[in-house]
């Protein structure tokens, strides 16, 4: 049986977890708070704020070998640095279970962004993301962002980008992410492997020509909250088995009607039951993540 790697997991530093809303208000990160601290109609939080031990327990329960920690699309460069240093310590403490990506904001300036990316490489981090120009307030063709992407290509860092489905439901904090922007980025930076989160907003299903971009990959983060289980086979048919990465978006509660809090076991079961060919399933659950995040995995 293929042992999964989860390519899309979030954790936050202890000072964030202690009082997320207060921290966000003090640090100018209110957009994150709108997304992360909102509650469902029944009053339950959409996500938890676990520590590293709780993540490892959830991974063990689901049989997940490794998690790739994704940063956040913060509004302030200082928040990005805080996240990156926290992830450095996570990876150092659990190198056999955790990999991590760095995050950034172009407002820090060219020199600071380049230094932060090189520090991330030296600290054992293995990628860049989860970023969102649209949510962070800069254009996809921002020159400092472009410099960061070029450096990511040199460092062989895959770049994870937040994508929302243009036909998807609305929710508090949702930001539109025009799909054409991601195709342009793929064309402008052919040396970069881009991982478009949340099935890339169904990009290759909406724009079939996008499937030809070999440097566009797609993760499955938050899948049960967005699509039914048919998405696994439909997407594999559109882009092939080599460019889909299993990702949960933990600590989101992916099955609020069935679970009281975040866990990983049901999503692993969902993909195993999706009727995929064995080689396709092996690539999605493990092989494609090993290919992209090989520095730590």
C-alpha atoms as a PDB file:
ATOM      1  CA  UNK A   1       0.000   0.000   0.000  1.00  0.00           C
ATOM      2  CA  UNK A   2       1.281   3.463  -0.946  1.00  0.00           C
ATOM      3  CA  UNK A   3       2.146   5.574   2.108  1.00  0.00           C
ATOM      4  CA  UNK A   4       0.879   9.146   1.597  1.00  0.00           C
ATOM      5  CA  UNK A   5       2.691  12.456   1.681  1.00  0.00           C
ATOM      6  CA  UNK A   6       0.463  15.451   2.428  1.00  0.00           C
ATOM      7  CA  UNK A   7       1.714  18.350   0.318  1.00  0.00           C
ATOM      8  CA  UNK A   8      -0.497  21.085   1.766  1.00  0.00           C
ATOM      9  CA  UNK A   9      -0.585  21.551   5.541  1.00  0.00           C
ATOM     10  CA  UNK A  10      -0.618  24.745   7.609  1.00  0.00           C
ATOM     11  CA  UNK A  11       0.695  25.337  11.105  1.00  0.00           C
ATOM     12  CA  UNK A  12       1.081  28.640  12.947  1.00  0.00           C
ATOM     13  CA  UNK A  13       3.597  29.817  15.536  1.00  0.00           C
ATOM     14  CA  UNK A  14       2.577  29.510  19.203  1.00  0.00           C
ATOM     15  CA  UNK A  15       2.056  33.252  19.578  1.00  0.00           C
ATOM     16  CA  UNK A  16      -0.490  33.102  16.745  1.00  0.00           C
ATOM     17  CA  UNK A  17      -2.280  30.049  18.141  1.00  0.00           C
ATOM     18  CA  UNK A  18      -2.690  31.536  21.624  1.00  0.00           C
ATOM     19  CA  UNK A  19      -5.173  34.185  20.441  1.00  0.00           C
ATOM     20  CA  UNK A  20      -5.444  34.218  16.639  1.00  0.00           C
ATOM     21  CA  UNK A  21      -7.855  37.147  16.326  1.00  0.00           C
ATOM     22  CA  UNK A  22      -5.952  39.367  18.751  1.00  0.00           C
ATOM     23  CA  UNK A  23      -2.631  38.555  17.115  1.00  0.00           C
ATOM     24  CA  UNK A  24      -4.031  39.337  13.662  1.00  0.00           C
ATOM     25  CA  UNK A  25      -5.458  42.673  14.841  1.00  0.00           C
ATOM     26  CA  UNK A  26      -2.164  43.673  16.443  1.00  0.00           C
ATOM     27  CA  UNK A  27      -0.084  42.664  13.425  1.00  0.00           C
ATOM     28  CA  UNK A  28      -2.288  44.004  10.631  1.00  0.00           C
ATOM     29  CA  UNK A  29      -3.251  40.527   9.428  1.00  0.00           C
ATOM     30  CA  UNK A  30      -7.034  40.901   9.570  1.00  0.00           C
ATOM     31  CA  UNK A  31      -7.633  39.188   6.169  1.00  0.00           C
ATOM     32  CA  UNK A  32      -6.073  36.016   7.572  1.00  0.00           C
ATOM     33  CA  UNK A  33      -8.269  36.258  10.654  1.00  0.00           C
ATOM     34  CA  UNK A  34     -11.404  36.529   8.500  1.00  0.00           C
ATOM     35  CA  UNK A  35     -10.490  33.263   6.813  1.00  0.00           C
ATOM     36  CA  UNK A  36      -8.979  31.370   9.723  1.00  0.00           C
ATOM     37  CA  UNK A  37     -11.188  32.298  12.664  1.00  0.00           C
ATOM     38  CA  UNK A  38     -14.606  32.280  11.021  1.00  0.00           C
ATOM     39  CA  UNK A  39     -17.295  29.908  12.238  1.00  0.00           C
ATOM     40  CA  UNK A  40     -19.861  27.763  10.515  1.00  0.00           C
ATOM     41  CA  UNK A  41     -23.575  28.265  10.965  1.00  0.00           C
ATOM     42  CA  UNK A  42     -23.612  25.775  13.822  1.00  0.00           C
ATOM     43  CA  UNK A  43     -21.026  27.838  15.693  1.00  0.00           C
ATOM     44  CA  UNK A  44     -18.077  25.519  15.155  1.00  0.00           C
ATOM     45  CA  UNK A  45     -14.780  26.887  13.883  1.00  0.00           C
ATOM     46  CA  UNK A  46     -13.887  26.086  10.276  1.00  0.00           C
ATOM     47  CA  UNK A  47     -10.424  25.048  11.405  1.00  0.00           C
ATOM     48  CA  UNK A  48      -8.318  24.279  14.437  1.00  0.00           C
ATOM     49  CA  UNK A  49      -5.045  25.736  15.635  1.00  0.00           C
ATOM     50  CA  UNK A  50      -3.027  22.623  16.470  1.00  0.00           C
ATOM     51  CA  UNK A  51       0.575  22.411  17.547  1.00  0.00           C
ATOM     52  CA  UNK A  52       3.159  20.183  15.915  1.00  0.00           C
ATOM     53  CA  UNK A  53       2.392  17.236  18.171  1.00  0.00           C
ATOM     54  CA  UNK A  54      -1.287  17.336  17.222  1.00  0.00           C
ATOM     55  CA  UNK A  55      -0.371  17.365  13.532  1.00  0.00           C
ATOM     56  CA  UNK A  56       1.905  14.354  13.974  1.00  0.00           C
ATOM     57  CA  UNK A  57      -0.879  12.533  15.820  1.00  0.00           C
ATOM     58  CA  UNK A  58      -3.297  13.228  12.944  1.00  0.00           C
ATOM     59  CA  UNK A  59      -0.702  12.018  10.448  1.00  0.00           C
ATOM     60  CA  UNK A  60      -0.149   8.822  12.415  1.00  0.00           C
ATOM     61  CA  UNK A  61      -3.890   8.163  12.604  1.00  0.00           C
ATOM     62  CA  UNK A  62      -4.176   8.487   8.816  1.00  0.00           C
ATOM     63  CA  UNK A  63      -0.961   6.664   7.945  1.00  0.00           C
ATOM     64  CA  UNK A  64       0.616   9.804   6.443  1.00  0.00           C
ATOM     65  CA  UNK A  65       4.392   9.610   6.442  1.00  0.00           C
ATOM     66  CA  UNK A  66       5.343  13.228   5.752  1.00  0.00           C
ATOM     67  CA  UNK A  67       3.656  16.622   5.619  1.00  0.00           C
ATOM     68  CA  UNK A  68       4.842  19.574   3.581  1.00  0.00           C
ATOM     69  CA  UNK A  69       4.125  22.695   5.626  1.00  0.00           C
ATOM     70  CA  UNK A  70       2.883  25.580   3.522  1.00  0.00           C
ATOM     71  CA  UNK A  71       3.330  29.158   4.636  1.00  0.00           C
ATOM     72  CA  UNK A  72       0.604  31.753   4.360  1.00  0.00           C
ATOM     73  CA  UNK A  73      -0.074  34.704   2.085  1.00  0.00           C
ATOM     74  CA  UNK A  74       0.517  37.253   4.814  1.00  0.00           C
ATOM     75  CA  UNK A  75       0.001  40.993   4.384  1.00  0.00           C
ATOM     76  CA  UNK A  76       3.223  41.961   6.145  1.00  0.00           C
ATOM     77  CA  UNK A  77       6.795  40.889   5.503  1.00  0.00           C
ATOM     78  CA  UNK A  78       7.428  40.553   9.249  1.00  0.00           C
ATOM     79  CA  UNK A  79       4.717  37.903   9.482  1.00  0.00           C
ATOM     80  CA  UNK A  80       6.416  35.980   6.674  1.00  0.00           C
ATOM     81  CA  UNK A  81       9.713  36.001   8.560  1.00  0.00           C
ATOM     82  CA  UNK A  82       7.978  34.812  11.734  1.00  0.00           C
ATOM     83  CA  UNK A  83       6.364  31.939   9.817  1.00  0.00           C
ATOM     84  CA  UNK A  84       9.612  30.957   8.125  1.00  0.00           C
ATOM     85  CA  UNK A  85      11.569  30.830  11.390  1.00  0.00           C
ATOM     86  CA  UNK A  86       8.845  28.732  13.002  1.00  0.00           C
ATOM     87  CA  UNK A  87       8.956  26.277  10.121  1.00  0.00           C
ATOM     88  CA  UNK A  88      12.724  26.098  10.356  1.00  0.00           C
ATOM     89  CA  UNK A  89      12.354  24.855  13.919  1.00  0.00           C
ATOM     90  CA  UNK A  90       9.601  22.397  12.942  1.00  0.00           C
ATOM     91  CA  UNK A  91      11.791  20.834  10.258  1.00  0.00           C
ATOM     92  CA  UNK A  92      14.818  20.690  12.531  1.00  0.00           C
ATOM     93  CA  UNK A  93      12.802  18.963  15.242  1.00  0.00           C
ATOM     94  CA  UNK A  94      11.124  16.435  12.914  1.00  0.00           C
ATOM     95  CA  UNK A  95      13.214  16.019   9.740  1.00  0.00           C
ATOM     96  CA  UNK A  96      11.818  12.545   9.191  1.00  0.00           C
ATOM     97  CA  UNK A  97       8.181  13.740   9.157  1.00  0.00           C
ATOM     98  CA  UNK A  98       8.071  17.401   8.110  1.00  0.00           C
ATOM     99  CA  UNK A  99       9.196  19.464   5.136  1.00  0.00           C
ATOM    100  CA  UNK A 100       8.346  23.144   4.776  1.00  0.00           C
ATOM    101  CA  UNK A 101       7.995  25.979   2.310  1.00  0.00           C
ATOM    102  CA  UNK A 102       8.936  29.605   2.895  1.00  0.00           C
ATOM    103  CA  UNK A 103       6.638  32.555   2.378  1.00  0.00           C
ATOM    104  CA  UNK A 104       7.359  36.155   1.396  1.00  0.00           C
ATOM    105  CA  UNK A 105       5.946  39.564   0.580  1.00  0.00           C
ATOM    106  CA  UNK A 106       7.513  41.708  -2.177  1.00  0.00           C
ATOM    107  CA  UNK A 107       7.008  44.829  -0.044  1.00  0.00           C
ATOM    108  CA  UNK A 108      10.154  43.792   1.828  1.00  0.00           C
ATOM    109  CA  UNK A 109      12.184  44.746  -1.246  1.00  0.00           C
ATOM    110  CA  UNK A 110      14.439  42.853  -3.597  1.00  0.00           C
ATOM    111  CA  UNK A 111      17.416  42.405  -1.293  1.00  0.00           C
ATOM    112  CA  UNK A 112      15.379  41.277   1.710  1.00  0.00           C
ATOM    113  CA  UNK A 113      13.284  38.848  -0.321  1.00  0.00           C
ATOM    114  CA  UNK A 114      16.355  37.284  -1.914  1.00  0.00           C
ATOM    115  CA  UNK A 115      18.071  36.993   1.472  1.00  0.00           C
ATOM    116  CA  UNK A 116      14.977  35.361   2.976  1.00  0.00           C
ATOM    117  CA  UNK A 117      14.781  32.803   0.187  1.00  0.00           C
ATOM    118  CA  UNK A 118      18.463  31.928   0.497  1.00  0.00           C
ATOM    119  CA  UNK A 119      18.086  31.659   4.272  1.00  0.00           C
ATOM    120  CA  UNK A 120      15.157  29.299   3.732  1.00  0.00           C
ATOM    121  CA  UNK A 121      17.304  27.102   1.514  1.00  0.00           C
ATOM    122  CA  UNK A 122      20.091  27.113   4.104  1.00  0.00           C
ATOM    123  CA  UNK A 123      17.565  26.306   6.855  1.00  0.00           C
ATOM    124  CA  UNK A 124      16.427  23.179   5.035  1.00  0.00           C
ATOM    125  CA  UNK A 125      13.158  24.461   3.627  1.00  0.00           C
ATOM    126  CA  UNK A 126      12.213  23.020   0.255  1.00  0.00           C
ATOM    127  CA  UNK A 127       9.851  25.389  -1.577  1.00  0.00           C
ATOM    128  CA  UNK A 128       8.032  28.680  -1.706  1.00  0.00           C
ATOM    129  CA  UNK A 129       4.381  29.213  -0.826  1.00  0.00           C
ATOM    130  CA  UNK A 130       1.524  29.244  -0.274  1.00  0.00           C
ATOM    131  CA  UNK A 131       1.522  32.685  -1.914  1.00  0.00           C
ATOM    132  CA  UNK A 132      -1.319  34.754  -3.349  1.00  0.00           C
ATOM    133  CA  UNK A 133      -0.508  37.998  -5.166  1.00  0.00           C
ATOM    134  CA  UNK A 134      -4.223  38.711  -5.431  1.00  0.00           C
ATOM    135  CA  UNK A 135      -4.777  38.408  -1.676  1.00  0.00           C
ATOM    136  CA  UNK A 136      -1.487  39.987  -0.620  1.00  0.00           C
ATOM    137  CA  UNK A 137      -2.078  43.130  -2.624  1.00  0.00           C
ATOM    138  CA  UNK A 138       0.517  43.009  -5.388  1.00  0.00           C
ATOM    139  CA  UNK A 139       0.214  42.272  -9.086  1.00  0.00           C
ATOM    140  CA  UNK A 140       1.252  38.884 -10.469  1.00  0.00           C
ATOM    141  CA  UNK A 141       3.754  40.769 -12.652  1.00  0.00           C
ATOM    142  CA  UNK A 142       5.240  42.681  -9.696  1.00  0.00           C
ATOM    143  CA  UNK A 143       8.988  42.967 -10.437  1.00  0.00           C
ATOM    144  CA  UNK A 144      10.141  41.890  -6.963  1.00  0.00           C
ATOM    145  CA  UNK A 145       7.804  38.910  -7.107  1.00  0.00           C
ATOM    146  CA  UNK A 146       9.297  38.093 -10.498  1.00  0.00           C
ATOM    147  CA  UNK A 147      12.799  38.222  -9.048  1.00  0.00           C
ATOM    148  CA  UNK A 148      11.698  35.862  -6.280  1.00  0.00           C
ATOM    149  CA  UNK A 149      10.256  33.414  -8.807  1.00  0.00           C
ATOM    150  CA  UNK A 150      13.437  33.506 -10.870  1.00  0.00           C
ATOM    151  CA  UNK A 151      15.477  32.790  -7.737  1.00  0.00           C
ATOM    152  CA  UNK A 152      13.087  29.991  -6.785  1.00  0.00           C
ATOM    153  CA  UNK A 153      13.814  28.441 -10.173  1.00  0.00           C
ATOM    154  CA  UNK A 154      17.548  28.696  -9.518  1.00  0.00           C
ATOM    155  CA  UNK A 155      17.130  27.123  -6.077  1.00  0.00           C
ATOM    156  CA  UNK A 156      14.854  24.412  -7.508  1.00  0.00           C
ATOM    157  CA  UNK A 157      12.095  25.509  -5.180  1.00  0.00           C
ATOM    158  CA  UNK A 158       8.564  24.588  -6.306  1.00  0.00           C
ATOM    159  CA  UNK A 159       6.168  27.505  -5.825  1.00  0.00           C
ATOM    160  CA  UNK A 160       2.703  26.944  -4.359  1.00  0.00           C
ATOM    161  CA  UNK A 161       0.026  29.495  -5.256  1.00  0.00           C
ATOM    162  CA  UNK A 162      -3.441  29.949  -3.828  1.00  0.00           C
ATOM    163  CA  UNK A 163      -6.172  29.616  -6.473  1.00  0.00           C
ATOM    164  CA  UNK A 164      -9.933  29.976  -6.150  1.00  0.00           C
ATOM    165  CA  UNK A 165     -12.458  28.563  -8.590  1.00  0.00           C
ATOM    166  CA  UNK A 166     -14.099  31.407 -10.543  1.00  0.00           C
ATOM    167  CA  UNK A 167     -17.343  29.438 -10.442  1.00  0.00           C
ATOM    168  CA  UNK A 168     -17.055  28.480  -6.792  1.00  0.00           C
ATOM    169  CA  UNK A 169     -19.220  29.560  -3.907  1.00  0.00           C
ATOM    170  CA  UNK A 170     -18.583  32.770  -2.036  1.00  0.00           C
ATOM    171  CA  UNK A 171     -17.316  32.814   1.556  1.00  0.00           C
ATOM    172  CA  UNK A 172     -15.934  35.466   3.921  1.00  0.00           C
ATOM    173  CA  UNK A 173     -12.448  36.504   2.864  1.00  0.00           C
ATOM    174  CA  UNK A 174     -12.606  34.979  -0.594  1.00  0.00           C
ATOM    175  CA  UNK A 175     -10.456  36.786  -3.163  1.00  0.00           C
ATOM    176  CA  UNK A 176     -10.811  36.333  -6.911  1.00  0.00           C
ATOM    177  CA  UNK A 177      -7.763  34.824  -8.627  1.00  0.00           C
ATOM    178  CA  UNK A 178      -8.132  35.119 -12.437  1.00  0.00           C
ATOM    179  CA  UNK A 179      -7.011  31.817 -13.922  1.00  0.00           C
ATOM    180  CA  UNK A 180      -5.263  33.452 -16.871  1.00  0.00           C
ATOM    181  CA  UNK A 181      -2.727  34.946 -14.447  1.00  0.00           C
ATOM    182  CA  UNK A 182      -1.394  31.495 -13.583  1.00  0.00           C
ATOM    183  CA  UNK A 183      -0.978  30.503 -17.197  1.00  0.00           C
ATOM    184  CA  UNK A 184       0.999  33.700 -17.789  1.00  0.00           C
ATOM    185  CA  UNK A 185       3.239  32.950 -14.813  1.00  0.00           C
ATOM    186  CA  UNK A 186       3.876  29.427 -16.075  1.00  0.00           C
ATOM    187  CA  UNK A 187       4.860  30.801 -19.476  1.00  0.00           C
ATOM    188  CA  UNK A 188       7.021  33.589 -18.027  1.00  0.00           C
ATOM    189  CA  UNK A 189       8.944  31.278 -15.671  1.00  0.00           C
ATOM    190  CA  UNK A 190       9.306  27.916 -17.419  1.00  0.00           C
ATOM    191  CA  UNK A 191      12.012  26.776 -14.981  1.00  0.00           C
ATOM    192  CA  UNK A 192       9.622  27.025 -12.029  1.00  0.00           C
ATOM    193  CA  UNK A 193       7.348  24.183 -11.011  1.00  0.00           C
ATOM    194  CA  UNK A 194       4.143  25.905  -9.890  1.00  0.00           C
ATOM    195  CA  UNK A 195       1.745  24.005  -7.634  1.00  0.00           C
ATOM    196  CA  UNK A 196      -1.720  25.514  -7.958  1.00  0.00           C
ATOM    197  CA  UNK A 197      -3.635  24.866  -4.759  1.00  0.00           C
ATOM    198  CA  UNK A 198      -7.239  23.692  -4.511  1.00  0.00           C
ATOM    199  CA  UNK A 199      -7.152  21.843  -7.832  1.00  0.00           C
ATOM    200  CA  UNK A 200      -6.007  25.112  -9.434  1.00  0.00           C
ATOM    201  CA  UNK A 201      -9.586  26.361  -9.462  1.00  0.00           C
ATOM    202  CA  UNK A 202     -10.248  23.611 -12.073  1.00  0.00           C
ATOM    203  CA  UNK A 203      -7.971  25.463 -14.511  1.00  0.00           C
ATOM    204  CA  UNK A 204      -7.337  22.583 -16.964  1.00  0.00           C
ATOM    205  CA  UNK A 205     -11.025  21.691 -16.948  1.00  0.00           C
ATOM    206  CA  UNK A 206     -12.096  25.278 -17.617  1.00  0.00           C
ATOM    207  CA  UNK A 207      -9.238  26.052 -20.030  1.00  0.00           C
ATOM    208  CA  UNK A 208      -8.104  22.733 -21.561  1.00  0.00           C
ATOM    209  CA  UNK A 209      -5.081  24.372 -23.218  1.00  0.00           C
ATOM    210  CA  UNK A 210      -3.619  24.930 -19.747  1.00  0.00           C
ATOM    211  CA  UNK A 211      -3.121  21.179 -19.406  1.00  0.00           C
ATOM    212  CA  UNK A 212      -0.233  21.487 -21.855  1.00  0.00           C
ATOM    213  CA  UNK A 213       1.826  23.595 -19.434  1.00  0.00           C
ATOM    214  CA  UNK A 214       4.173  20.948 -18.067  1.00  0.00           C
ATOM    215  CA  UNK A 215       5.336  23.179 -15.198  1.00  0.00           C
ATOM    216  CA  UNK A 216       1.830  23.514 -13.754  1.00  0.00           C
ATOM    217  CA  UNK A 217       1.002  21.064 -10.982  1.00  0.00           C
ATOM    218  CA  UNK A 218      -2.151  20.888  -8.882  1.00  0.00           C
ATOM    219  CA  UNK A 219      -2.790  19.975  -5.280  1.00  0.00           C
ATOM    220  CA  UNK A 220      -6.031  18.708  -3.799  1.00  0.00           C
ATOM    221  CA  UNK A 221      -6.208  20.967  -0.730  1.00  0.00           C
ATOM    222  CA  UNK A 222      -9.710  21.392   0.748  1.00  0.00           C
ATOM    223  CA  UNK A 223     -11.150  19.115  -1.940  1.00  0.00           C
ATOM    224  CA  UNK A 224     -14.199  17.801  -0.013  1.00  0.00           C
ATOM    225  CA  UNK A 225     -15.283  21.359   0.779  1.00  0.00           C
ATOM    226  CA  UNK A 226     -15.142  22.313  -2.889  1.00  0.00           C
ATOM    227  CA  UNK A 227     -15.982  19.317  -5.088  1.00  0.00           C
ATOM    228  CA  UNK A 228     -17.449  15.849  -4.998  1.00  0.00           C
ATOM    229  CA  UNK A 229     -15.285  12.738  -5.232  1.00  0.00           C
ATOM    230  CA  UNK A 230     -15.594  12.591  -9.036  1.00  0.00           C
ATOM    231  CA  UNK A 231     -12.966  15.367  -9.237  1.00  0.00           C
ATOM    232  CA  UNK A 232     -10.152  12.853  -8.705  1.00  0.00           C
ATOM    233  CA  UNK A 233     -10.769  10.836 -11.868  1.00  0.00           C
ATOM    234  CA  UNK A 234     -11.863  13.842 -13.963  1.00  0.00           C
ATOM    235  CA  UNK A 235      -8.709  15.744 -13.159  1.00  0.00           C
ATOM    236  CA  UNK A 236      -6.409  12.770 -13.659  1.00  0.00           C
ATOM    237  CA  UNK A 237      -7.941  12.341 -17.096  1.00  0.00           C
ATOM    238  CA  UNK A 238      -7.317  15.997 -17.927  1.00  0.00           C
ATOM    239  CA  UNK A 239      -3.691  16.414 -16.820  1.00  0.00           C
ATOM    240  CA  UNK A 240      -2.387  12.874 -16.444  1.00  0.00           C
ATOM    241  CA  UNK A 241      -1.121  11.109 -13.321  1.00  0.00           C
ATOM    242  CA  UNK A 242       2.153  13.010 -12.872  1.00  0.00           C
ATOM    243  CA  UNK A 243       1.001  16.502 -11.910  1.00  0.00           C
ATOM    244  CA  UNK A 244      -1.493  16.035  -9.071  1.00  0.00           C
ATOM    245  CA  UNK A 245      -0.336  16.120  -5.447  1.00  0.00           C
ATOM    246  CA  UNK A 246      -2.338  14.920  -2.484  1.00  0.00           C
ATOM    247  CA  UNK A 247      -2.922  17.833  -0.107  1.00  0.00           C
ATOM    248  CA  UNK A 248      -5.412  18.251   2.700  1.00  0.00           C
ATOM    249  CA  UNK A 249      -5.277  21.904   3.855  1.00  0.00           C
ATOM    250  CA  UNK A 250      -5.071  20.662   7.448  1.00  0.00           C
ATOM    251  CA  UNK A 251      -6.125  22.029   9.954  1.00  0.00           C
ATOM    252  CA  UNK A 252      -9.321  22.777   8.024  1.00  0.00           C
ATOM    253  CA  UNK A 253     -12.206  20.524   8.997  1.00  0.00           C
ATOM    254  CA  UNK A 254     -12.806  18.923   5.609  1.00  0.00           C
ATOM    255  CA  UNK A 255     -15.899  16.937   6.644  1.00  0.00           C
ATOM    256  CA  UNK A 256     -17.852  19.208   9.014  1.00  0.00           C
ATOM    257  CA  UNK A 257     -20.936  17.021   8.756  1.00  0.00           C
ATOM    258  CA  UNK A 258     -19.004  13.966   9.887  1.00  0.00           C
ATOM    259  CA  UNK A 259     -16.120  15.185  12.047  1.00  0.00           C
ATOM    260  CA  UNK A 260     -15.986  17.599  14.972  1.00  0.00           C
ATOM    261  CA  UNK A 261     -12.534  18.850  14.024  1.00  0.00           C
ATOM    262  CA  UNK A 262      -9.664  18.522  11.552  1.00  0.00           C
ATOM    263  CA  UNK A 263      -8.306  15.090  10.679  1.00  0.00           C
ATOM    264  CA  UNK A 264      -6.699  13.411   7.675  1.00  0.00           C
ATOM    265  CA  UNK A 265      -8.007   9.861   7.624  1.00  0.00           C
ATOM    266  CA  UNK A 266     -11.203  10.478   5.640  1.00  0.00           C
ATOM    267  CA  UNK A 267      -9.441  12.281   2.796  1.00  0.00           C
ATOM    268  CA  UNK A 268      -6.891   9.481   2.456  1.00  0.00           C
ATOM    269  CA  UNK A 269      -9.801   7.046   2.264  1.00  0.00           C
ATOM    270  CA  UNK A 270     -11.580   9.210  -0.313  1.00  0.00           C
ATOM    271  CA  UNK A 271      -8.707   9.164  -2.782  1.00  0.00           C
ATOM    272  CA  UNK A 272      -8.085   5.442  -2.246  1.00  0.00           C
ATOM    273  CA  UNK A 273     -11.757   4.815  -3.076  1.00  0.00           C
ATOM    274  CA  UNK A 274     -11.797   7.109  -6.135  1.00  0.00           C
ATOM    275  CA  UNK A 275     -11.276   4.280  -8.620  1.00  0.00           C
ATOM    276  CA  UNK A 276      -7.906   5.494  -9.881  1.00  0.00           C
ATOM    277  CA  UNK A 277      -5.416   3.252 -11.620  1.00  0.00           C
ATOM    278  CA  UNK A 278      -2.696   2.020  -9.237  1.00  0.00           C
ATOM    279  CA  UNK A 279       0.082   4.078 -10.854  1.00  0.00           C
ATOM    280  CA  UNK A 280      -2.081   7.203 -10.838  1.00  0.00           C
ATOM    281  CA  UNK A 281      -2.949   6.695  -7.182  1.00  0.00           C
ATOM    282  CA  UNK A 282       0.706   6.123  -6.291  1.00  0.00           C
ATOM    283  CA  UNK A 283       1.737   9.333  -8.016  1.00  0.00           C
ATOM    284  CA  UNK A 284      -0.954  11.441  -6.385  1.00  0.00           C
ATOM    285  CA  UNK A 285      -0.452  10.074  -2.897  1.00  0.00           C
ATOM    286  CA  UNK A 286       3.341  10.015  -2.886  1.00  0.00           C
ATOM    287  CA  UNK A 287       5.448   9.961  -6.031  1.00  0.00           C
ATOM    288  CA  UNK A 288       4.683  13.437  -7.336  1.00  0.00           C
ATOM    289  CA  UNK A 289       5.409  15.018  -3.956  1.00  0.00           C
ATOM    290  CA  UNK A 290       8.740  13.198  -3.808  1.00  0.00           C
ATOM    291  CA  UNK A 291       9.580  14.577  -7.239  1.00  0.00           C
ATOM    292  CA  UNK A 292       8.899  18.197  -6.300  1.00  0.00           C
ATOM    293  CA  UNK A 293       9.875  18.322  -2.635  1.00  0.00           C
ATOM    294  CA  UNK A 294      12.894  16.030  -2.913  1.00  0.00           C
ATOM    295  CA  UNK A 295      15.219  18.292  -0.926  1.00  0.00           C
ATOM    296  CA  UNK A 296      13.558  17.229   2.321  1.00  0.00           C
ATOM    297  CA  UNK A 297      11.517  14.213   1.333  1.00  0.00           C
END
